[in-house]
């Protein structure tokens, strides 16, 4: 499991990509990934294309992130969800809080 973050060249988009398991072991690194984002950032993308597992602590991390940065950014998108992760997000009604693609 690992986490990488990338900013777009113009600094307006922050992408956080999670590989493997999205669980309690990523709490610190996930928080650090968005804690020092650019003031120009208007969009945050959580890329789950290589994520194969997500637990309740991951849902909590997403909610904490939203609460922390919601006033700074226009869009928080969860992208490239595997079908099983999309189902977890829908059951948890995260599709009402985040853009999911």
PDB file of N, CA and C in Angstrom:
ATOM      1  N   UNK A   1       0.842  -1.164   0.000  1.00  0.00           N
ATOM      2  CA  UNK A   1       0.000   0.000   0.000  1.00  0.00           C
ATOM      3  C   UNK A   1       0.888   1.227   0.000  1.00  0.00           C
ATOM      4  N   UNK A   2       0.499   2.193  -0.808  1.00  0.00           N
ATOM      5  CA  UNK A   2       1.259   3.431  -0.862  1.00  0.00           C
ATOM      6  C   UNK A   2       0.362   4.568  -1.318  1.00  0.00           C
ATOM      7  N   UNK A   3       0.872   5.761  -1.114  1.00  0.00           N
ATOM      8  CA  UNK A   3       0.136   6.955  -1.474  1.00  0.00           C
ATOM      9  C   UNK A   3       1.096   7.901  -2.171  1.00  0.00           C
ATOM     10  N   UNK A   4       0.670   8.444  -3.302  1.00  0.00           N
ATOM     11  CA  UNK A   4       1.465   9.456  -3.991  1.00  0.00           C
ATOM     12  C   UNK A   4       0.591  10.667  -4.247  1.00  0.00           C
ATOM     13  N   UNK A   5       1.223  11.827  -4.271  1.00  0.00           N
ATOM     14  CA  UNK A   5       0.468  13.045  -4.578  1.00  0.00           C
ATOM     15  C   UNK A   5       1.178  13.798  -5.682  1.00  0.00           C
ATOM     16  N   UNK A   6       0.382  14.394  -6.545  1.00  0.00           N
ATOM     17  CA  UNK A   6       0.914  15.175  -7.662  1.00  0.00           C
ATOM     18  C   UNK A   6       0.084  16.440  -7.822  1.00  0.00           C
ATOM     19  N   UNK A   7       0.770  17.535  -8.082  1.00  0.00           N
ATOM     20  CA  UNK A   7       0.071  18.777  -8.399  1.00  0.00           C
ATOM     21  C   UNK A   7       0.176  19.023  -9.887  1.00  0.00           C
ATOM     22  N   UNK A   8      -0.880  19.586 -10.462  1.00  0.00           N
ATOM     23  CA  UNK A   8      -0.832  19.940 -11.875  1.00  0.00           C
ATOM     24  C   UNK A   8       0.199  21.049 -12.057  1.00  0.00           C
ATOM     25  N   UNK A   9       0.654  21.224 -13.282  1.00  0.00           N
ATOM     26  CA  UNK A   9       1.687  22.218 -13.583  1.00  0.00           C
ATOM     27  C   UNK A   9       1.265  23.616 -13.142  1.00  0.00           C
ATOM     28  N   UNK A  10      -0.024  23.938 -13.348  1.00  0.00           N
ATOM     29  CA  UNK A  10      -0.497  25.276 -12.969  1.00  0.00           C
ATOM     30  C   UNK A  10      -0.901  25.372 -11.491  1.00  0.00           C
ATOM     31  N   UNK A  11      -0.808  24.241 -10.756  1.00  0.00           N
ATOM     32  CA  UNK A  11      -1.083  24.257  -9.330  1.00  0.00           C
ATOM     33  C   UNK A  11      -2.553  24.266  -8.952  1.00  0.00           C
ATOM     34  N   UNK A  12      -3.458  24.098  -9.920  1.00  0.00           N
ATOM     35  CA  UNK A  12      -4.885  24.182  -9.612  1.00  0.00           C
ATOM     36  C   UNK A  12      -5.509  22.836  -9.237  1.00  0.00           C
ATOM     37  N   UNK A  13      -4.819  21.737  -9.535  1.00  0.00           N
ATOM     38  CA  UNK A  13      -5.364  20.407  -9.245  1.00  0.00           C
ATOM     39  C   UNK A  13      -4.355  19.581  -8.460  1.00  0.00           C
ATOM     40  N   UNK A  14      -4.823  19.001  -7.362  1.00  0.00           N
ATOM     41  CA  UNK A  14      -4.023  18.094  -6.552  1.00  0.00           C
ATOM     42  C   UNK A  14      -4.607  16.701  -6.724  1.00  0.00           C
ATOM     43  N   UNK A  15      -3.773  15.745  -7.119  1.00  0.00           N
ATOM     44  CA  UNK A  15      -4.212  14.362  -7.269  1.00  0.00           C
ATOM     45  C   UNK A  15      -3.509  13.510  -6.224  1.00  0.00           C
ATOM     46  N   UNK A  16      -4.305  12.768  -5.469  1.00  0.00           N
ATOM     47  CA  UNK A  16      -3.774  11.829  -4.477  1.00  0.00           C
ATOM     48  C   UNK A  16      -4.145  10.436  -4.961  1.00  0.00           C
ATOM     49  N   UNK A  17      -3.118   9.619  -5.239  1.00  0.00           N
ATOM     50  CA  UNK A  17      -3.355   8.272  -5.751  1.00  0.00           C
ATOM     51  C   UNK A  17      -3.017   7.262  -4.666  1.00  0.00           C
ATOM     52  N   UNK A  18      -3.928   6.325  -4.451  1.00  0.00           N
ATOM     53  CA  UNK A  18      -3.741   5.310  -3.422  1.00  0.00           C
ATOM     54  C   UNK A  18      -3.618   3.955  -4.106  1.00  0.00           C
ATOM     55  N   UNK A  19      -2.546   3.235  -3.757  1.00  0.00           N
ATOM     56  CA  UNK A  19      -2.300   1.914  -4.335  1.00  0.00           C
ATOM     57  C   UNK A  19      -2.439   0.869  -3.240  1.00  0.00           C
ATOM     58  N   UNK A  20      -3.157  -0.198  -3.539  1.00  0.00           N
ATOM     59  CA  UNK A  20      -3.334  -1.269  -2.563  1.00  0.00           C
ATOM     60  C   UNK A  20      -4.482  -0.986  -1.622  1.00  0.00           C
ATOM     61  N   UNK A  21      -4.208  -1.092  -0.330  1.00  0.00           N
ATOM     62  CA  UNK A  21      -5.252  -0.924   0.676  1.00  0.00           C
ATOM     63  C   UNK A  21      -5.351   0.526   1.143  1.00  0.00           C
ATOM     64  N   UNK A  22      -6.577   1.013   1.200  1.00  0.00           N
ATOM     65  CA  UNK A  22      -6.866   2.347   1.736  1.00  0.00           C
ATOM     66  C   UNK A  22      -7.470   2.101   3.122  1.00  0.00           C
ATOM     67  N   UNK A  23      -6.594   2.111   4.140  1.00  0.00           N
ATOM     68  CA  UNK A  23      -7.057   1.803   5.487  1.00  0.00           C
ATOM     69  C   UNK A  23      -6.315   2.648   6.517  1.00  0.00           C
ATOM     70  N   UNK A  24      -6.455   2.289   7.778  1.00  0.00           N
ATOM     71  CA  UNK A  24      -5.928   3.075   8.895  1.00  0.00           C
ATOM     72  C   UNK A  24      -4.425   3.354   8.779  1.00  0.00           C
ATOM     73  N   UNK A  25      -3.690   2.488   8.127  1.00  0.00           N
ATOM     74  CA  UNK A  25      -2.241   2.671   8.001  1.00  0.00           C
ATOM     75  C   UNK A  25      -1.869   3.910   7.193  1.00  0.00           C
ATOM     76  N   UNK A  26      -2.814   4.469   6.456  1.00  0.00           N
ATOM     77  CA  UNK A  26      -2.531   5.649   5.631  1.00  0.00           C
ATOM     78  C   UNK A  26      -2.986   6.968   6.269  1.00  0.00           C
ATOM     79  N   UNK A  27      -3.458   6.935   7.506  1.00  0.00           N
ATOM     80  CA  UNK A  27      -4.005   8.144   8.132  1.00  0.00           C
ATOM     81  C   UNK A  27      -3.033   9.312   8.050  1.00  0.00           C
ATOM     82  N   UNK A  28      -1.820   9.142   8.523  1.00  0.00           N
ATOM     83  CA  UNK A  28      -0.850  10.242   8.560  1.00  0.00           C
ATOM     84  C   UNK A  28      -0.469  10.722   7.169  1.00  0.00           C
ATOM     85  N   UNK A  29      -0.128   9.796   6.283  1.00  0.00           N
ATOM     86  CA  UNK A  29       0.319  10.201   4.953  1.00  0.00           C
ATOM     87  C   UNK A  29      -0.826  10.815   4.149  1.00  0.00           C
ATOM     88  N   UNK A  30      -2.056  10.333   4.352  1.00  0.00           N
ATOM     89  CA  UNK A  30      -3.194  10.917   3.647  1.00  0.00           C
ATOM     90  C   UNK A  30      -3.423  12.355   4.115  1.00  0.00           C
ATOM     91  N   UNK A  31      -3.374  12.564   5.416  1.00  0.00           N
ATOM     92  CA  UNK A  31      -3.573  13.909   5.959  1.00  0.00           C
ATOM     93  C   UNK A  31      -2.474  14.854   5.460  1.00  0.00           C
ATOM     94  N   UNK A  32      -1.248  14.397   5.444  1.00  0.00           N
ATOM     95  CA  UNK A  32      -0.132  15.223   4.975  1.00  0.00           C
ATOM     96  C   UNK A  32      -0.254  15.551   3.493  1.00  0.00           C
ATOM     97  N   UNK A  33      -0.859  14.655   2.720  1.00  0.00           N
ATOM     98  CA  UNK A  33      -0.963  14.858   1.274  1.00  0.00           C
ATOM     99  C   UNK A  33      -1.785  16.096   0.918  1.00  0.00           C
ATOM    100  N   UNK A  34      -2.798  16.406   1.726  1.00  0.00           N
ATOM    101  CA  UNK A  34      -3.614  17.585   1.418  1.00  0.00           C
ATOM    102  C   UNK A  34      -3.381  18.751   2.382  1.00  0.00           C
ATOM    103  N   UNK A  35      -2.624  18.533   3.428  1.00  0.00           N
ATOM    104  CA  UNK A  35      -2.446  19.574   4.449  1.00  0.00           C
ATOM    105  C   UNK A  35      -1.720  20.807   3.935  1.00  0.00           C
ATOM    106  N   UNK A  36      -0.783  20.628   3.028  1.00  0.00           N
ATOM    107  CA  UNK A  36       0.018  21.750   2.561  1.00  0.00           C
ATOM    108  C   UNK A  36      -0.185  21.998   1.078  1.00  0.00           C
ATOM    109  N   UNK A  37      -1.435  21.992   0.656  1.00  0.00           N
ATOM    110  CA  UNK A  37      -1.690  22.209  -0.760  1.00  0.00           C
ATOM    111  C   UNK A  37      -1.603  23.697  -1.106  1.00  0.00           C
ATOM    112  N   UNK A  38      -1.379  23.952  -2.364  1.00  0.00           N
ATOM    113  CA  UNK A  38      -1.227  25.312  -2.862  1.00  0.00           C
ATOM    114  C   UNK A  38      -2.509  26.109  -2.671  1.00  0.00           C
ATOM    115  N   UNK A  39      -2.375  27.408  -2.470  1.00  0.00           N
ATOM    116  CA  UNK A  39      -3.547  28.280  -2.371  1.00  0.00           C
ATOM    117  C   UNK A  39      -4.297  28.349  -3.697  1.00  0.00           C
ATOM    118  N   UNK A  40      -3.615  28.012  -4.796  1.00  0.00           N
ATOM    119  CA  UNK A  40      -4.241  28.040  -6.124  1.00  0.00           C
ATOM    120  C   UNK A  40      -5.092  26.805  -6.394  1.00  0.00           C
ATOM    121  N   UNK A  41      -4.970  25.786  -5.546  1.00  0.00           N
ATOM    122  CA  UNK A  41      -5.680  24.531  -5.777  1.00  0.00           C
ATOM    123  C   UNK A  41      -7.188  24.734  -5.681  1.00  0.00           C
ATOM    124  N   UNK A  42      -7.903  24.343  -6.746  1.00  0.00           N
ATOM    125  CA  UNK A  42      -9.362  24.442  -6.765  1.00  0.00           C
ATOM    126  C   UNK A  42     -10.024  23.070  -6.891  1.00  0.00           C
ATOM    127  N   UNK A  43      -9.219  22.038  -7.208  1.00  0.00           N
ATOM    128  CA  UNK A  43      -9.775  20.699  -7.398  1.00  0.00           C
ATOM    129  C   UNK A  43      -8.843  19.669  -6.766  1.00  0.00           C
ATOM    130  N   UNK A  44      -9.432  18.730  -6.021  1.00  0.00           N
ATOM    131  CA  UNK A  44      -8.679  17.622  -5.451  1.00  0.00           C
ATOM    132  C   UNK A  44      -9.281  16.338  -6.013  1.00  0.00           C
ATOM    133  N   UNK A  45      -8.419  15.477  -6.528  1.00  0.00           N
ATOM    134  CA  UNK A  45      -8.841  14.192  -7.076  1.00  0.00           C
ATOM    135  C   UNK A  45      -8.224  13.084  -6.227  1.00  0.00           C
ATOM    136  N   UNK A  46      -9.073  12.202  -5.739  1.00  0.00           N
ATOM    137  CA  UNK A  46      -8.603  10.996  -5.056  1.00  0.00           C
ATOM    138  C   UNK A  46      -8.711   9.875  -6.086  1.00  0.00           C
ATOM    139  N   UNK A  47      -7.567   9.417  -6.561  1.00  0.00           N
ATOM    140  CA  UNK A  47      -7.519   8.421  -7.643  1.00  0.00           C
ATOM    141  C   UNK A  47      -7.414   7.022  -7.029  1.00  0.00           C
ATOM    142  N   UNK A  48      -8.460   6.221  -7.231  1.00  0.00           N
ATOM    143  CA  UNK A  48      -8.512   4.873  -6.655  1.00  0.00           C
ATOM    144  C   UNK A  48      -8.317   3.778  -7.700  1.00  0.00           C
ATOM    145  N   UNK A  49      -7.702   4.113  -8.831  1.00  0.00           N
ATOM    146  CA  UNK A  49      -7.558   3.122  -9.909  1.00  0.00           C
ATOM    147  C   UNK A  49      -6.778   1.884  -9.465  1.00  0.00           C
ATOM    148  N   UNK A  50      -5.839   2.038  -8.540  1.00  0.00           N
ATOM    149  CA  UNK A  50      -5.040   0.895  -8.081  1.00  0.00           C
ATOM    150  C   UNK A  50      -5.352   0.521  -6.638  1.00  0.00           C
ATOM    151  N   UNK A  51      -6.516   0.933  -6.164  1.00  0.00           N
ATOM    152  CA  UNK A  51      -6.938   0.618  -4.801  1.00  0.00           C
ATOM    153  C   UNK A  51      -7.837  -0.611  -4.848  1.00  0.00           C
ATOM    154  N   UNK A  52      -7.488  -1.635  -4.053  1.00  0.00           N
ATOM    155  CA  UNK A  52      -8.285  -2.860  -4.095  1.00  0.00           C
ATOM    156  C   UNK A  52      -9.048  -3.115  -2.805  1.00  0.00           C
ATOM    157  N   UNK A  53      -8.878  -2.239  -1.798  1.00  0.00           N
ATOM    158  CA  UNK A  53      -9.554  -2.442  -0.521  1.00  0.00           C
ATOM    159  C   UNK A  53      -9.745  -1.097   0.158  1.00  0.00           C
ATOM    160  N   UNK A  54     -10.895  -0.927   0.791  1.00  0.00           N
ATOM    161  CA  UNK A  54     -11.188   0.302   1.518  1.00  0.00           C
ATOM    162  C   UNK A  54     -12.006  -0.087   2.748  1.00  0.00           C
ATOM    163  N   UNK A  55     -11.633   0.462   3.910  1.00  0.00           N
ATOM    164  CA  UNK A  55     -12.418   0.165   5.104  1.00  0.00           C
ATOM    165  C   UNK A  55     -13.042   1.432   5.672  1.00  0.00           C
ATOM    166  N   UNK A  56     -13.666   1.320   6.828  1.00  0.00           N
ATOM    167  CA  UNK A  56     -14.372   2.455   7.414  1.00  0.00           C
ATOM    168  C   UNK A  56     -13.437   3.596   7.785  1.00  0.00           C
ATOM    169  N   UNK A  57     -12.190   3.294   8.105  1.00  0.00           N
ATOM    170  CA  UNK A  57     -11.251   4.381   8.422  1.00  0.00           C
ATOM    171  C   UNK A  57     -10.956   5.214   7.176  1.00  0.00           C
ATOM    172  N   UNK A  58     -10.981   4.596   6.002  1.00  0.00           N
ATOM    173  CA  UNK A  58     -10.794   5.344   4.753  1.00  0.00           C
ATOM    174  C   UNK A  58     -11.958   6.299   4.536  1.00  0.00           C
ATOM    175  N   UNK A  59     -13.160   5.841   4.834  1.00  0.00           N
ATOM    176  CA  UNK A  59     -14.332   6.710   4.711  1.00  0.00           C
ATOM    177  C   UNK A  59     -14.204   7.897   5.668  1.00  0.00           C
ATOM    178  N   UNK A  60     -13.732   7.618   6.879  1.00  0.00           N
ATOM    179  CA  UNK A  60     -13.505   8.687   7.845  1.00  0.00           C
ATOM    180  C   UNK A  60     -12.459   9.678   7.376  1.00  0.00           C
ATOM    181  N   UNK A  61     -11.402   9.173   6.765  1.00  0.00           N
ATOM    182  CA  UNK A  61     -10.344  10.063   6.249  1.00  0.00           C
ATOM    183  C   UNK A  61     -10.885  10.965   5.154  1.00  0.00           C
ATOM    184  N   UNK A  62     -11.730  10.416   4.284  1.00  0.00           N
ATOM    185  CA  UNK A  62     -12.325  11.220   3.216  1.00  0.00           C
ATOM    186  C   UNK A  62     -13.216  12.318   3.797  1.00  0.00           C
ATOM    187  N   UNK A  63     -14.007  11.971   4.816  1.00  0.00           N
ATOM    188  CA  UNK A  63     -14.878  12.969   5.445  1.00  0.00           C
ATOM    189  C   UNK A  63     -14.066  14.059   6.146  1.00  0.00           C
ATOM    190  N   UNK A  64     -13.006  13.655   6.846  1.00  0.00           N
ATOM    191  CA  UNK A  64     -12.142  14.644   7.511  1.00  0.00           C
ATOM    192  C   UNK A  64     -11.493  15.574   6.499  1.00  0.00           C
ATOM    193  N   UNK A  65     -11.037  15.010   5.375  1.00  0.00           N
ATOM    194  CA  UNK A  65     -10.438  15.830   4.336  1.00  0.00           C
ATOM    195  C   UNK A  65     -11.464  16.838   3.818  1.00  0.00           C
ATOM    196  N   UNK A  66     -12.665  16.367   3.549  1.00  0.00           N
ATOM    197  CA  UNK A  66     -13.710  17.264   3.034  1.00  0.00           C
ATOM    198  C   UNK A  66     -13.983  18.394   4.020  1.00  0.00           C
ATOM    199  N   UNK A  67     -14.082  18.058   5.287  1.00  0.00           N
ATOM    200  CA  UNK A  67     -14.348  19.069   6.306  1.00  0.00           C
ATOM    201  C   UNK A  67     -13.208  20.085   6.379  1.00  0.00           C
ATOM    202  N   UNK A  68     -11.990  19.622   6.221  1.00  0.00           N
ATOM    203  CA  UNK A  68     -10.814  20.479   6.334  1.00  0.00           C
ATOM    204  C   UNK A  68     -10.641  21.412   5.143  1.00  0.00           C
ATOM    205  N   UNK A  69     -10.854  20.896   3.924  1.00  0.00           N
ATOM    206  CA  UNK A  69     -10.512  21.694   2.729  1.00  0.00           C
ATOM    207  C   UNK A  69     -11.708  22.194   1.938  1.00  0.00           C
ATOM    208  N   UNK A  70     -12.920  21.867   2.369  1.00  0.00           N
ATOM    209  CA  UNK A  70     -14.114  22.203   1.592  1.00  0.00           C
ATOM    210  C   UNK A  70     -14.233  23.695   1.286  1.00  0.00           C
ATOM    211  N   UNK A  71     -13.808  24.534   2.198  1.00  0.00           N
ATOM    212  CA  UNK A  71     -13.923  25.977   1.963  1.00  0.00           C
ATOM    213  C   UNK A  71     -12.833  26.497   1.023  1.00  0.00           C
ATOM    214  N   UNK A  72     -11.784  25.703   0.784  1.00  0.00           N
ATOM    215  CA  UNK A  72     -10.663  26.135  -0.055  1.00  0.00           C
ATOM    216  C   UNK A  72     -10.793  25.707  -1.506  1.00  0.00           C
ATOM    217  N   UNK A  73     -11.491  24.598  -1.761  1.00  0.00           N
ATOM    218  CA  UNK A  73     -11.557  24.049  -3.117  1.00  0.00           C
ATOM    219  C   UNK A  73     -12.992  24.032  -3.627  1.00  0.00           C
ATOM    220  N   UNK A  74     -13.130  24.002  -4.948  1.00  0.00           N
ATOM    221  CA  UNK A  74     -14.457  23.942  -5.568  1.00  0.00           C
ATOM    222  C   UNK A  74     -14.947  22.510  -5.692  1.00  0.00           C
ATOM    223  N   UNK A  75     -14.017  21.578  -5.994  1.00  0.00           N
ATOM    224  CA  UNK A  75     -14.404  20.209  -6.296  1.00  0.00           C
ATOM    225  C   UNK A  75     -13.501  19.208  -5.596  1.00  0.00           C
ATOM    226  N   UNK A  76     -14.112  18.180  -5.016  1.00  0.00           N
ATOM    227  CA  UNK A  76     -13.379  17.017  -4.522  1.00  0.00           C
ATOM    228  C   UNK A  76     -13.965  15.820  -5.258  1.00  0.00           C
ATOM    229  N   UNK A  77     -13.119  15.174  -6.034  1.00  0.00           N
ATOM    230  CA  UNK A  77     -13.583  14.076  -6.896  1.00  0.00           C
ATOM    231  C   UNK A  77     -12.901  12.778  -6.490  1.00  0.00           C
ATOM    232  N   UNK A  78     -13.678  11.724  -6.419  1.00  0.00           N
ATOM    233  CA  UNK A  78     -13.139  10.381  -6.213  1.00  0.00           C
ATOM    234  C   UNK A  78     -13.232   9.695  -7.570  1.00  0.00           C
ATOM    235  N   UNK A  79     -12.089   9.351  -8.142  1.00  0.00           N
ATOM    236  CA  UNK A  79     -12.096   8.857  -9.525  1.00  0.00           C
ATOM    237  C   UNK A  79     -11.560   7.440  -9.650  1.00  0.00           C
ATOM    238  N   UNK A  80     -11.912   6.816 -10.760  1.00  0.00           N
ATOM    239  CA  UNK A  80     -11.410   5.498 -11.159  1.00  0.00           C
ATOM    240  C   UNK A  80     -11.691   4.407 -10.130  1.00  0.00           C
ATOM    241  N   UNK A  81     -12.898   4.428  -9.561  1.00  0.00           N
ATOM    242  CA  UNK A  81     -13.275   3.440  -8.546  1.00  0.00           C
ATOM    243  C   UNK A  81     -13.473   2.056  -9.156  1.00  0.00           C
ATOM    244  N   UNK A  82     -12.944   1.048  -8.486  1.00  0.00           N
ATOM    245  CA  UNK A  82     -13.276  -0.329  -8.829  1.00  0.00           C
ATOM    246  C   UNK A  82     -14.740  -0.548  -8.446  1.00  0.00           C
ATOM    247  N   UNK A  83     -15.446  -1.479  -9.094  1.00  0.00           N
ATOM    248  CA  UNK A  83     -16.871  -1.685  -8.795  1.00  0.00           C
ATOM    249  C   UNK A  83     -17.170  -1.924  -7.310  1.00  0.00           C
ATOM    250  N   UNK A  84     -16.327  -2.710  -6.621  1.00  0.00           N
ATOM    251  CA  UNK A  84     -16.589  -3.003  -5.210  1.00  0.00           C
ATOM    252  C   UNK A  84     -16.417  -1.749  -4.346  1.00  0.00           C
ATOM    253  N   UNK A  85     -15.493  -0.864  -4.712  1.00  0.00           N
ATOM    254  CA  UNK A  85     -15.298   0.380  -3.960  1.00  0.00           C
ATOM    255  C   UNK A  85     -16.432   1.356  -4.243  1.00  0.00           C
ATOM    256  N   UNK A  86     -16.871   1.415  -5.483  1.00  0.00           N
ATOM    257  CA  UNK A  86     -17.999   2.282  -5.843  1.00  0.00           C
ATOM    258  C   UNK A  86     -19.237   1.879  -5.034  1.00  0.00           C
ATOM    259  N   UNK A  87     -19.430   0.573  -4.863  1.00  0.00           N
ATOM    260  CA  UNK A  87     -20.580   0.092  -4.108  1.00  0.00           C
ATOM    261  C   UNK A  87     -20.495   0.534  -2.646  1.00  0.00           C
ATOM    262  N   UNK A  88     -19.318   0.439  -2.040  1.00  0.00           N
ATOM    263  CA  UNK A  88     -19.114   0.894  -0.658  1.00  0.00           C
ATOM    264  C   UNK A  88     -19.436   2.374  -0.552  1.00  0.00           C
ATOM    265  N   UNK A  89     -18.946   3.161  -1.501  1.00  0.00           N
ATOM    266  CA  UNK A  89     -19.184   4.599  -1.479  1.00  0.00           C
ATOM    267  C   UNK A  89     -20.665   4.930  -1.652  1.00  0.00           C
ATOM    268  N   UNK A  90     -21.349   4.195  -2.501  1.00  0.00           N
ATOM    269  CA  UNK A  90     -22.775   4.442  -2.715  1.00  0.00           C
ATOM    270  C   UNK A  90     -23.607   4.033  -1.497  1.00  0.00           C
ATOM    271  N   UNK A  91     -23.288   2.888  -0.910  1.00  0.00           N
ATOM    272  CA  UNK A  91     -24.005   2.442   0.287  1.00  0.00           C
ATOM    273  C   UNK A  91     -23.812   3.455   1.420  1.00  0.00           C
ATOM    274  N   UNK A  92     -22.625   4.030   1.494  1.00  0.00           N
ATOM    275  CA  UNK A  92     -22.313   5.015   2.532  1.00  0.00           C
ATOM    276  C   UNK A  92     -22.805   6.416   2.161  1.00  0.00           C
ATOM    277  N   UNK A  93     -23.438   6.531   0.996  1.00  0.00           N
ATOM    278  CA  UNK A  93     -24.008   7.786   0.489  1.00  0.00           C
ATOM    279  C   UNK A  93     -22.954   8.859   0.229  1.00  0.00           C
ATOM    280  N   UNK A  94     -21.741   8.436  -0.079  1.00  0.00           N
ATOM    281  CA  UNK A  94     -20.679   9.371  -0.406  1.00  0.00           C
ATOM    282  C   UNK A  94     -20.917  10.035  -1.760  1.00  0.00           C
ATOM    283  N   UNK A  95     -21.775   9.409  -2.579  1.00  0.00           N
ATOM    284  CA  UNK A  95     -22.106  10.033  -3.869  1.00  0.00           C
ATOM    285  C   UNK A  95     -22.890  11.325  -3.671  1.00  0.00           C
ATOM    286  N   UNK A  96     -23.394  11.568  -2.477  1.00  0.00           N
ATOM    287  CA  UNK A  96     -24.092  12.823  -2.170  1.00  0.00           C
ATOM    288  C   UNK A  96     -23.115  13.909  -1.720  1.00  0.00           C
ATOM    289  N   UNK A  97     -21.915  13.499  -1.279  1.00  0.00           N
ATOM    290  CA  UNK A  97     -20.931  14.437  -0.743  1.00  0.00           C
ATOM    291  C   UNK A  97     -19.763  14.709  -1.697  1.00  0.00           C
ATOM    292  N   UNK A  98     -19.481  13.753  -2.579  1.00  0.00           N
ATOM    293  CA  UNK A  98     -18.330  13.840  -3.475  1.00  0.00           C
ATOM    294  C   UNK A  98     -18.776  13.584  -4.915  1.00  0.00           C
ATOM    295  N   UNK A  99     -17.996  14.089  -5.865  1.00  0.00           N
ATOM    296  CA  UNK A  99     -18.165  13.701  -7.263  1.00  0.00           C
ATOM    297  C   UNK A  99     -17.443  12.367  -7.430  1.00  0.00           C
ATOM    298  N   UNK A 100     -18.151  11.344  -7.850  1.00  0.00           N
ATOM    299  CA  UNK A 100     -17.540  10.021  -8.008  1.00  0.00           C
ATOM    300  C   UNK A 100     -17.594   9.636  -9.475  1.00  0.00           C
ATOM    301  N   UNK A 101     -16.424   9.270 -10.016  1.00  0.00           N
ATOM    302  CA  UNK A 101     -16.373   8.862 -11.424  1.00  0.00           C
ATOM    303  C   UNK A 101     -15.597   7.568 -11.571  1.00  0.00           C
TER     304      UNK A 101
END
